């Protein structure tokens, strides 16, 4: 949908988390279908534990997202080398799309 949003594949950029911490990230895999951070553990903790409040082994389901009021994970472009990741509220994806 937005082919020039991120830097080219394997080009590092800064990704800022809601807690203010920044990590190095890059787009990877075929057709840029994956986001990889220098610490994937930090990315996983942000999404699964802090955001979705999931226990180890608990599945992320649509019902769980709805209960938490989370629609999607959103990445905002600050500059060509700086991005922010955050959660979006219910219905925000439909409003965007």
N, C-alpha and C. Protein backbone atom coordinates (compact mmCIF):
# COMPACT_ATOMS: atom_id res chain seq x y z
N UNK A 1 0.82 -1.19 0.00
CA UNK A 1 0.00 0.00 0.00
C UNK A 1 0.87 1.26 0.00
N UNK A 2 1.96 1.25 0.79
CA UNK A 2 2.88 2.39 0.86
C UNK A 2 4.31 1.88 0.67
N UNK A 3 4.71 1.60 -0.56
CA UNK A 3 5.99 0.93 -0.81
C UNK A 3 7.22 1.70 -0.35
N UNK A 4 7.15 3.01 -0.23
CA UNK A 4 8.31 3.79 0.18
C UNK A 4 8.24 4.26 1.63
N UNK A 5 7.35 3.68 2.41
CA UNK A 5 7.19 4.09 3.80
C UNK A 5 8.45 3.79 4.62
N UNK A 6 8.93 2.55 4.56
CA UNK A 6 10.12 2.15 5.30
C UNK A 6 11.36 2.27 4.43
N UNK A 7 12.55 2.33 5.06
CA UNK A 7 13.78 2.25 4.27
C UNK A 7 13.85 0.90 3.55
N UNK A 8 14.77 0.80 2.60
CA UNK A 8 14.95 -0.46 1.89
C UNK A 8 15.24 -1.61 2.85
N UNK A 9 14.94 -2.80 2.40
CA UNK A 9 15.17 -4.02 3.19
C UNK A 9 16.60 -4.05 3.71
N UNK A 10 16.74 -4.46 4.95
CA UNK A 10 18.01 -4.59 5.66
C UNK A 10 18.71 -3.26 5.94
N UNK A 11 18.02 -2.14 5.75
CA UNK A 11 18.57 -0.83 6.11
C UNK A 11 18.09 -0.48 7.52
N UNK A 12 19.01 -0.32 8.47
CA UNK A 12 18.60 -0.06 9.85
C UNK A 12 17.94 1.31 10.03
N UNK A 13 17.01 1.36 11.00
CA UNK A 13 16.37 2.61 11.40
C UNK A 13 16.05 2.53 12.87
N UNK A 14 15.76 3.67 13.48
CA UNK A 14 15.41 3.71 14.91
C UNK A 14 13.91 3.51 15.06
N UNK A 15 13.53 2.66 16.00
CA UNK A 15 12.13 2.41 16.31
C UNK A 15 11.91 2.75 17.78
N UNK A 16 11.06 3.74 18.02
CA UNK A 16 10.79 4.21 19.38
C UNK A 16 9.55 3.50 19.93
N UNK A 17 9.69 2.98 21.15
CA UNK A 17 8.59 2.29 21.82
C UNK A 17 7.81 3.27 22.70
N UNK A 18 6.58 2.90 23.08
CA UNK A 18 5.77 3.79 23.92
C UNK A 18 6.44 4.18 25.23
N UNK A 19 7.35 3.33 25.74
CA UNK A 19 8.03 3.66 27.00
C UNK A 19 9.19 4.64 26.80
N UNK A 20 9.41 5.08 25.55
CA UNK A 20 10.45 6.04 25.25
C UNK A 20 11.76 5.42 24.78
N UNK A 21 11.93 4.13 24.98
CA UNK A 21 13.16 3.47 24.55
C UNK A 21 13.17 3.32 23.03
N UNK A 22 14.34 3.48 22.44
CA UNK A 22 14.51 3.28 21.00
C UNK A 22 15.43 2.10 20.76
N UNK A 23 15.12 1.32 19.74
CA UNK A 23 15.97 0.21 19.35
C UNK A 23 16.22 0.29 17.84
N UNK A 24 17.26 -0.39 17.39
CA UNK A 24 17.53 -0.47 15.97
C UNK A 24 16.63 -1.53 15.36
N UNK A 25 16.01 -1.22 14.24
CA UNK A 25 15.11 -2.16 13.57
C UNK A 25 15.41 -2.15 12.08
N UNK A 26 14.85 -3.13 11.38
CA UNK A 26 14.95 -3.16 9.93
C UNK A 26 13.83 -4.03 9.38
N UNK A 27 13.51 -3.78 8.13
CA UNK A 27 12.55 -4.60 7.41
C UNK A 27 13.33 -5.75 6.79
N UNK A 28 12.79 -6.95 6.87
CA UNK A 28 13.50 -8.11 6.33
C UNK A 28 12.50 -9.09 5.72
N UNK A 29 13.00 -10.19 5.24
CA UNK A 29 12.28 -11.25 4.55
C UNK A 29 11.82 -10.80 3.17
N UNK A 30 11.38 -11.77 2.40
CA UNK A 30 10.94 -11.52 1.03
C UNK A 30 9.79 -10.52 1.01
N UNK A 31 9.87 -9.56 0.12
CA UNK A 31 8.87 -8.50 -0.03
C UNK A 31 8.69 -7.65 1.22
N UNK A 32 9.67 -7.62 2.10
CA UNK A 32 9.61 -6.78 3.29
C UNK A 32 8.48 -7.12 4.23
N UNK A 33 8.16 -8.40 4.38
CA UNK A 33 6.99 -8.79 5.17
C UNK A 33 7.25 -8.93 6.67
N UNK A 34 8.48 -8.63 7.11
CA UNK A 34 8.77 -8.79 8.54
C UNK A 34 9.50 -7.56 9.08
N UNK A 35 9.25 -7.29 10.34
CA UNK A 35 9.95 -6.25 11.08
C UNK A 35 10.82 -6.95 12.11
N UNK A 36 12.10 -6.63 12.11
CA UNK A 36 13.03 -7.25 13.04
C UNK A 36 13.72 -6.16 13.83
N UNK A 37 13.79 -6.33 15.13
CA UNK A 37 14.49 -5.36 15.96
C UNK A 37 15.77 -6.00 16.48
N UNK A 38 16.70 -5.13 16.90
CA UNK A 38 17.97 -5.64 17.41
C UNK A 38 17.71 -6.53 18.62
N UNK A 39 16.66 -6.25 19.33
CA UNK A 39 16.24 -7.12 20.42
C UNK A 39 14.78 -7.53 20.15
N UNK A 40 14.61 -8.65 19.47
CA UNK A 40 13.24 -9.12 19.21
C UNK A 40 12.52 -9.44 20.52
N UNK A 41 13.26 -9.71 21.56
CA UNK A 41 12.66 -9.94 22.88
C UNK A 41 11.93 -8.69 23.35
N UNK A 42 12.52 -7.52 23.13
CA UNK A 42 11.88 -6.25 23.51
C UNK A 42 10.60 -6.03 22.71
N UNK A 43 10.65 -6.30 21.41
CA UNK A 43 9.46 -6.16 20.56
C UNK A 43 8.37 -7.12 21.01
N UNK A 44 8.73 -8.37 21.27
CA UNK A 44 7.76 -9.35 21.74
C UNK A 44 7.15 -8.97 23.07
N UNK A 45 8.00 -8.48 23.98
CA UNK A 45 7.50 -8.06 25.30
C UNK A 45 6.52 -6.89 25.16
N UNK A 46 6.87 -5.93 24.30
CA UNK A 46 5.98 -4.78 24.09
C UNK A 46 4.61 -5.24 23.59
N UNK A 47 4.60 -6.09 22.59
CA UNK A 47 3.34 -6.49 21.97
C UNK A 47 2.58 -7.50 22.84
N UNK A 48 3.26 -8.57 23.21
CA UNK A 48 2.55 -9.68 23.88
C UNK A 48 2.30 -9.46 25.36
N UNK A 49 3.29 -8.98 26.09
CA UNK A 49 3.14 -8.85 27.55
C UNK A 49 2.58 -7.50 27.96
N UNK A 50 3.21 -6.42 27.50
CA UNK A 50 2.78 -5.08 27.92
C UNK A 50 1.48 -4.65 27.25
N UNK A 51 1.38 -4.88 25.95
CA UNK A 51 0.21 -4.43 25.21
C UNK A 51 -0.98 -5.34 25.36
N UNK A 52 -0.78 -6.62 25.04
CA UNK A 52 -1.90 -7.57 25.04
C UNK A 52 -2.10 -8.27 26.38
N UNK A 53 -1.16 -8.08 27.29
CA UNK A 53 -1.25 -8.67 28.65
C UNK A 53 -1.39 -10.20 28.60
N UNK A 54 -0.69 -10.84 27.65
CA UNK A 54 -0.77 -12.29 27.50
C UNK A 54 0.23 -12.99 28.41
N UNK A 55 -0.18 -14.11 28.93
CA UNK A 55 0.73 -14.98 29.68
C UNK A 55 1.54 -15.80 28.69
N UNK A 56 2.63 -16.36 29.13
CA UNK A 56 3.43 -17.22 28.27
C UNK A 56 2.56 -18.39 27.82
N UNK A 57 2.51 -18.62 26.52
CA UNK A 57 1.71 -19.70 25.96
C UNK A 57 0.28 -19.31 25.62
N UNK A 58 -0.19 -18.16 26.08
CA UNK A 58 -1.56 -17.71 25.78
C UNK A 58 -1.63 -17.16 24.37
N UNK A 59 -2.67 -17.51 23.64
CA UNK A 59 -2.83 -17.07 22.26
C UNK A 59 -3.43 -15.67 22.18
N UNK A 60 -2.98 -14.92 21.19
CA UNK A 60 -3.56 -13.61 20.90
C UNK A 60 -4.75 -13.86 19.97
N UNK A 61 -5.94 -13.62 20.48
CA UNK A 61 -7.15 -13.83 19.67
C UNK A 61 -7.82 -12.49 19.39
N UNK A 62 -8.67 -12.48 18.39
CA UNK A 62 -9.43 -11.28 18.07
C UNK A 62 -10.29 -10.86 19.27
N UNK A 63 -10.86 -11.83 19.95
CA UNK A 63 -11.70 -11.54 21.12
C UNK A 63 -10.88 -10.84 22.21
N UNK A 64 -9.65 -11.30 22.42
CA UNK A 64 -8.78 -10.69 23.42
C UNK A 64 -8.47 -9.24 23.02
N UNK A 65 -8.18 -9.02 21.75
CA UNK A 65 -7.92 -7.66 21.27
C UNK A 65 -9.12 -6.75 21.53
N UNK A 66 -10.31 -7.25 21.23
CA UNK A 66 -11.53 -6.45 21.43
C UNK A 66 -11.73 -6.11 22.90
N UNK A 67 -11.47 -7.07 23.78
CA UNK A 67 -11.60 -6.82 25.22
C UNK A 67 -10.64 -5.74 25.70
N UNK A 68 -9.45 -5.72 25.13
CA UNK A 68 -8.44 -4.74 25.51
C UNK A 68 -8.62 -3.40 24.80
N UNK A 69 -9.53 -3.36 23.81
CA UNK A 69 -9.75 -2.13 23.07
C UNK A 69 -8.65 -1.85 22.06
N UNK A 70 -7.95 -2.90 21.64
CA UNK A 70 -6.84 -2.74 20.69
C UNK A 70 -7.26 -3.27 19.33
N UNK A 71 -7.01 -2.47 18.33
CA UNK A 71 -7.36 -2.79 16.96
C UNK A 71 -6.16 -3.32 16.18
N UNK A 72 -5.02 -2.68 16.38
CA UNK A 72 -3.84 -2.99 15.58
C UNK A 72 -2.59 -2.38 16.21
N UNK A 73 -1.45 -2.76 15.65
CA UNK A 73 -0.19 -2.12 15.99
C UNK A 73 0.08 -1.11 14.89
N UNK A 74 0.43 0.08 15.27
CA UNK A 74 0.62 1.16 14.31
C UNK A 74 2.07 1.63 14.36
N UNK A 75 2.65 1.89 13.21
CA UNK A 75 3.99 2.45 13.14
C UNK A 75 3.89 3.78 12.41
N UNK A 76 4.32 4.83 13.08
CA UNK A 76 4.31 6.18 12.51
C UNK A 76 5.72 6.55 12.06
N UNK A 77 5.81 7.18 10.91
CA UNK A 77 7.09 7.63 10.37
C UNK A 77 7.35 9.06 10.85
N UNK A 78 8.43 9.23 11.59
CA UNK A 78 8.83 10.54 12.08
C UNK A 78 9.77 11.18 11.05
N UNK A 79 10.71 10.39 10.56
CA UNK A 79 11.63 10.80 9.49
C UNK A 79 12.04 9.53 8.75
N UNK A 80 12.91 9.64 7.76
CA UNK A 80 13.34 8.47 7.01
C UNK A 80 14.11 7.46 7.85
N UNK A 81 14.61 7.89 9.01
CA UNK A 81 15.38 6.99 9.87
C UNK A 81 14.79 6.83 11.26
N UNK A 82 13.62 7.40 11.51
CA UNK A 82 13.00 7.39 12.85
C UNK A 82 11.52 7.05 12.74
N UNK A 83 11.10 6.02 13.49
CA UNK A 83 9.72 5.56 13.49
C UNK A 83 9.27 5.32 14.93
N UNK A 84 7.96 5.33 15.15
CA UNK A 84 7.38 5.04 16.46
C UNK A 84 6.37 3.92 16.32
N UNK A 85 6.33 3.03 17.30
CA UNK A 85 5.36 1.94 17.31
C UNK A 85 4.42 2.13 18.50
N UNK A 86 3.13 1.88 18.26
CA UNK A 86 2.13 2.04 19.33
C UNK A 86 0.90 1.20 18.98
N UNK A 87 0.02 1.06 19.93
CA UNK A 87 -1.23 0.34 19.72
C UNK A 87 -2.32 1.33 19.34
N UNK A 88 -3.24 0.88 18.51
CA UNK A 88 -4.36 1.72 18.09
C UNK A 88 -5.66 1.17 18.67
N UNK A 89 -6.58 2.05 18.95
CA UNK A 89 -7.86 1.66 19.55
C UNK A 89 -8.78 0.98 18.54
N UNK A 90 -9.78 0.29 19.05
CA UNK A 90 -10.75 -0.39 18.19
C UNK A 90 -11.29 0.55 17.12
N UNK A 91 -11.49 0.00 15.93
CA UNK A 91 -12.03 0.68 14.75
C UNK A 91 -11.04 1.61 14.05
N UNK A 92 -9.86 1.80 14.60
CA UNK A 92 -8.92 2.72 13.96
C UNK A 92 -8.42 2.17 12.62
N UNK A 93 -8.30 0.86 12.48
CA UNK A 93 -7.84 0.33 11.21
C UNK A 93 -8.88 0.60 10.11
N UNK A 94 -10.15 0.39 10.42
CA UNK A 94 -11.20 0.65 9.43
C UNK A 94 -11.23 2.12 9.05
N UNK A 95 -11.03 3.01 10.02
CA UNK A 95 -11.00 4.44 9.74
C UNK A 95 -9.82 4.79 8.85
N UNK A 96 -8.67 4.16 9.09
CA UNK A 96 -7.49 4.39 8.26
C UNK A 96 -7.68 3.86 6.86
N UNK A 97 -8.15 2.62 6.78
CA UNK A 97 -8.27 1.94 5.49
C UNK A 97 -9.35 2.55 4.64
